[in-house]
């Protein structure tokens, strides 16, 4: 999609490309190496595009949320709670404590702030703008 729209954005002198990536792109989970690898590749693409359009009025950024309440994760939490005979909240806290111990917000993300508005501060910073509670302990380069 970016390949299709980016040239027109550059020609117009304004545009926003926002990739929804994941903290798993820089903090690859051992149980989801394939997912982490694809998110790392996405960060490379967003960084390369950001550099290629620098100064054009177009920005390219990647949002790196931590664990997000998705349909798939909700199914996992529900099944695990039933299997363990505990509440879904207990499973969520267990997941965060054991699988994502560096999470600062200690809950699943439910919202991603928009970086696309013309009035929003949207630097052409690729993955350096992170959202999701500080799951990754070090800044991306």
C-alpha atoms as a PDB file:
ATOM      1  CA  UNK A   1       0.000   0.000   0.000  1.00  0.00           C
ATOM      2  CA  UNK A   2       2.864   2.360   0.830  1.00  0.00           C
ATOM      3  CA  UNK A   3       4.465   1.644  -2.544  1.00  0.00           C
ATOM      4  CA  UNK A   4       1.240   2.786  -4.204  1.00  0.00           C
ATOM      5  CA  UNK A   5       0.540   5.968  -2.177  1.00  0.00           C
ATOM      6  CA  UNK A   6       3.998   7.257  -1.233  1.00  0.00           C
ATOM      7  CA  UNK A   7       4.958   8.778  -4.609  1.00  0.00           C
ATOM      8  CA  UNK A   8       1.792  10.920  -4.661  1.00  0.00           C
ATOM      9  CA  UNK A   9       2.427  12.028  -1.069  1.00  0.00           C
ATOM     10  CA  UNK A  10       5.948  13.127  -1.964  1.00  0.00           C
ATOM     11  CA  UNK A  11       4.691  14.929  -5.071  1.00  0.00           C
ATOM     12  CA  UNK A  12       2.057  16.721  -2.971  1.00  0.00           C
ATOM     13  CA  UNK A  13       4.663  17.578  -0.324  1.00  0.00           C
ATOM     14  CA  UNK A  14       2.655  16.136   2.542  1.00  0.00           C
ATOM     15  CA  UNK A  15       1.690  12.733   3.819  1.00  0.00           C
ATOM     16  CA  UNK A  16       1.820  10.330   6.727  1.00  0.00           C
ATOM     17  CA  UNK A  17       2.745   6.664   6.690  1.00  0.00           C
ATOM     18  CA  UNK A  18       2.246   4.885   9.995  1.00  0.00           C
ATOM     19  CA  UNK A  19       3.249   1.247  10.342  1.00  0.00           C
ATOM     20  CA  UNK A  20       1.712  -0.643  13.246  1.00  0.00           C
ATOM     21  CA  UNK A  21       4.650  -2.791  14.219  1.00  0.00           C
ATOM     22  CA  UNK A  22       5.379  -4.326  17.610  1.00  0.00           C
ATOM     23  CA  UNK A  23       7.840  -4.255  20.445  1.00  0.00           C
ATOM     24  CA  UNK A  24       8.498  -7.815  19.314  1.00  0.00           C
ATOM     25  CA  UNK A  25      10.525  -6.336  16.462  1.00  0.00           C
ATOM     26  CA  UNK A  26      13.245  -5.271  18.900  1.00  0.00           C
ATOM     27  CA  UNK A  27      12.506  -7.583  21.820  1.00  0.00           C
ATOM     28  CA  UNK A  28      11.885 -10.856  19.982  1.00  0.00           C
ATOM     29  CA  UNK A  29       9.878 -13.308  22.106  1.00  0.00           C
ATOM     30  CA  UNK A  30      11.319 -16.817  22.165  1.00  0.00           C
ATOM     31  CA  UNK A  31       7.833 -18.276  21.667  1.00  0.00           C
ATOM     32  CA  UNK A  32       7.161 -16.098  18.581  1.00  0.00           C
ATOM     33  CA  UNK A  33      10.450 -15.837  16.688  1.00  0.00           C
ATOM     34  CA  UNK A  34       8.665 -15.837  13.324  1.00  0.00           C
ATOM     35  CA  UNK A  35       6.452 -12.927  14.395  1.00  0.00           C
ATOM     36  CA  UNK A  36       9.401 -10.995  15.795  1.00  0.00           C
ATOM     37  CA  UNK A  37      11.342 -11.490  12.570  1.00  0.00           C
ATOM     38  CA  UNK A  38       8.533 -10.068  10.457  1.00  0.00           C
ATOM     39  CA  UNK A  39       8.204  -7.052  12.758  1.00  0.00           C
ATOM     40  CA  UNK A  40      11.973  -6.460  12.597  1.00  0.00           C
ATOM     41  CA  UNK A  41      11.721  -6.478   8.805  1.00  0.00           C
ATOM     42  CA  UNK A  42       8.853  -4.005   9.011  1.00  0.00           C
ATOM     43  CA  UNK A  43      11.006  -1.668  11.123  1.00  0.00           C
ATOM     44  CA  UNK A  44      13.756  -1.858   8.508  1.00  0.00           C
ATOM     45  CA  UNK A  45      11.265  -0.918   5.798  1.00  0.00           C
ATOM     46  CA  UNK A  46       9.844   1.976   7.813  1.00  0.00           C
ATOM     47  CA  UNK A  47      13.313   3.300   8.632  1.00  0.00           C
ATOM     48  CA  UNK A  48      14.457   3.062   5.023  1.00  0.00           C
ATOM     49  CA  UNK A  49      11.333   4.820   3.787  1.00  0.00           C
ATOM     50  CA  UNK A  50      11.678   7.525   6.461  1.00  0.00           C
ATOM     51  CA  UNK A  51      15.211   8.231   5.303  1.00  0.00           C
ATOM     52  CA  UNK A  52      14.200   8.214   1.642  1.00  0.00           C
ATOM     53  CA  UNK A  53      11.504  10.880   2.117  1.00  0.00           C
ATOM     54  CA  UNK A  54      13.282  13.044   4.712  1.00  0.00           C
ATOM     55  CA  UNK A  55      12.670  16.734   4.039  1.00  0.00           C
ATOM     56  CA  UNK A  56       9.789  16.086   1.628  1.00  0.00           C
ATOM     57  CA  UNK A  57       6.929  16.889   4.011  1.00  0.00           C
ATOM     58  CA  UNK A  58       6.086  13.199   4.266  1.00  0.00           C
ATOM     59  CA  UNK A  59       6.772  11.341   7.487  1.00  0.00           C
ATOM     60  CA  UNK A  60       7.126   7.621   8.016  1.00  0.00           C
ATOM     61  CA  UNK A  61       6.849   6.199  11.530  1.00  0.00           C
ATOM     62  CA  UNK A  62       6.335   2.861  13.219  1.00  0.00           C
ATOM     63  CA  UNK A  63       4.317   2.421  16.382  1.00  0.00           C
ATOM     64  CA  UNK A  64       5.637  -0.367  18.605  1.00  0.00           C
ATOM     65  CA  UNK A  65       2.885  -1.310  21.029  1.00  0.00           C
ATOM     66  CA  UNK A  66       3.461  -3.900  23.687  1.00  0.00           C
ATOM     67  CA  UNK A  67       1.002  -6.748  24.257  1.00  0.00           C
ATOM     68  CA  UNK A  68      -2.288  -5.649  22.736  1.00  0.00           C
ATOM     69  CA  UNK A  69      -5.736  -6.986  23.462  1.00  0.00           C
ATOM     70  CA  UNK A  70      -6.375  -8.611  20.118  1.00  0.00           C
ATOM     71  CA  UNK A  71      -8.868 -11.270  19.122  1.00  0.00           C
ATOM     72  CA  UNK A  72      -6.149 -13.924  19.189  1.00  0.00           C
ATOM     73  CA  UNK A  73      -4.768 -12.913  22.575  1.00  0.00           C
ATOM     74  CA  UNK A  74      -8.288 -12.714  24.011  1.00  0.00           C
ATOM     75  CA  UNK A  75      -8.935 -16.310  22.872  1.00  0.00           C
ATOM     76  CA  UNK A  76      -5.657 -17.409  24.484  1.00  0.00           C
ATOM     77  CA  UNK A  77      -6.520 -15.673  27.773  1.00  0.00           C
ATOM     78  CA  UNK A  78     -10.043 -17.132  27.818  1.00  0.00           C
ATOM     79  CA  UNK A  79      -8.844 -20.694  27.108  1.00  0.00           C
ATOM     80  CA  UNK A  80      -6.001 -20.481  29.620  1.00  0.00           C
ATOM     81  CA  UNK A  81      -8.325 -19.136  32.320  1.00  0.00           C
ATOM     82  CA  UNK A  82     -10.772 -21.956  31.735  1.00  0.00           C
ATOM     83  CA  UNK A  83      -8.019 -24.601  31.709  1.00  0.00           C
ATOM     84  CA  UNK A  84      -6.416 -23.243  34.908  1.00  0.00           C
ATOM     85  CA  UNK A  85      -9.701 -22.525  36.699  1.00  0.00           C
ATOM     86  CA  UNK A  86      -8.759 -18.880  37.277  1.00  0.00           C
ATOM     87  CA  UNK A  87     -10.045 -15.535  36.080  1.00  0.00           C
ATOM     88  CA  UNK A  88      -9.031 -13.972  32.796  1.00  0.00           C
ATOM     89  CA  UNK A  89      -7.485 -11.090  34.755  1.00  0.00           C
ATOM     90  CA  UNK A  90      -5.265 -13.601  36.578  1.00  0.00           C
ATOM     91  CA  UNK A  91      -4.101 -15.090  33.278  1.00  0.00           C
ATOM     92  CA  UNK A  92      -3.431 -11.613  31.878  1.00  0.00           C
ATOM     93  CA  UNK A  93      -1.279 -10.715  34.889  1.00  0.00           C
ATOM     94  CA  UNK A  94       0.507 -14.072  34.704  1.00  0.00           C
ATOM     95  CA  UNK A  95       1.261 -13.470  31.012  1.00  0.00           C
ATOM     96  CA  UNK A  96       2.633  -9.998  31.685  1.00  0.00           C
ATOM     97  CA  UNK A  97       4.702 -11.116  34.674  1.00  0.00           C
ATOM     98  CA  UNK A  98       6.196 -14.182  32.999  1.00  0.00           C
ATOM     99  CA  UNK A  99       6.228 -13.334  29.292  1.00  0.00           C
ATOM    100  CA  UNK A 100       6.576  -9.517  29.257  1.00  0.00           C
ATOM    101  CA  UNK A 101       8.179  -8.618  32.583  1.00  0.00           C
ATOM    102  CA  UNK A 102       9.540  -5.293  31.285  1.00  0.00           C
ATOM    103  CA  UNK A 103       6.047  -3.879  30.671  1.00  0.00           C
ATOM    104  CA  UNK A 104       5.607  -0.622  32.562  1.00  0.00           C
ATOM    105  CA  UNK A 105       1.818  -0.385  32.341  1.00  0.00           C
ATOM    106  CA  UNK A 106       1.224  -4.000  33.438  1.00  0.00           C
ATOM    107  CA  UNK A 107      -1.865  -4.362  31.250  1.00  0.00           C
ATOM    108  CA  UNK A 108      -2.689  -5.078  27.631  1.00  0.00           C
ATOM    109  CA  UNK A 109      -2.865  -2.091  25.329  1.00  0.00           C
ATOM    110  CA  UNK A 110      -6.263  -1.271  23.872  1.00  0.00           C
ATOM    111  CA  UNK A 111      -5.629   1.931  21.923  1.00  0.00           C
ATOM    112  CA  UNK A 112      -2.967   3.308  19.634  1.00  0.00           C
ATOM    113  CA  UNK A 113      -2.713   7.094  19.360  1.00  0.00           C
ATOM    114  CA  UNK A 114      -2.853   8.454  15.838  1.00  0.00           C
ATOM    115  CA  UNK A 115       0.311   9.951  14.402  1.00  0.00           C
ATOM    116  CA  UNK A 116      -1.342  10.821  11.112  1.00  0.00           C
ATOM    117  CA  UNK A 117      -3.095  14.118  11.810  1.00  0.00           C
ATOM    118  CA  UNK A 118      -1.583  17.202  10.249  1.00  0.00           C
ATOM    119  CA  UNK A 119      -1.728  18.868  13.673  1.00  0.00           C
ATOM    120  CA  UNK A 120       0.006  15.971  15.413  1.00  0.00           C
ATOM    121  CA  UNK A 121       3.675  16.054  16.191  1.00  0.00           C
ATOM    122  CA  UNK A 122       4.837  13.427  13.716  1.00  0.00           C
ATOM    123  CA  UNK A 123       8.578  13.541  13.309  1.00  0.00           C
ATOM    124  CA  UNK A 124      10.084  11.410  10.611  1.00  0.00           C
ATOM    125  CA  UNK A 125      11.544   9.160  13.260  1.00  0.00           C
ATOM    126  CA  UNK A 126      10.638   5.659  12.164  1.00  0.00           C
ATOM    127  CA  UNK A 127      10.673   3.356  15.203  1.00  0.00           C
ATOM    128  CA  UNK A 128      11.976   5.812  17.754  1.00  0.00           C
ATOM    129  CA  UNK A 129       8.407   6.755  18.671  1.00  0.00           C
ATOM    130  CA  UNK A 130       7.190   3.900  20.825  1.00  0.00           C
ATOM    131  CA  UNK A 131       3.834   3.351  22.441  1.00  0.00           C
ATOM    132  CA  UNK A 132       2.541   0.582  24.644  1.00  0.00           C
ATOM    133  CA  UNK A 133       3.942   1.053  28.104  1.00  0.00           C
ATOM    134  CA  UNK A 134       7.660   0.796  27.636  1.00  0.00           C
ATOM    135  CA  UNK A 135       7.931  -2.952  27.100  1.00  0.00           C
ATOM    136  CA  UNK A 136      11.289  -2.606  25.376  1.00  0.00           C
ATOM    137  CA  UNK A 137      13.912  -1.445  27.850  1.00  0.00           C
ATOM    138  CA  UNK A 138      16.226   0.250  25.357  1.00  0.00           C
ATOM    139  CA  UNK A 139      15.617   2.772  22.586  1.00  0.00           C
ATOM    140  CA  UNK A 140      15.700   1.693  18.957  1.00  0.00           C
ATOM    141  CA  UNK A 141      18.546   3.047  16.912  1.00  0.00           C
END
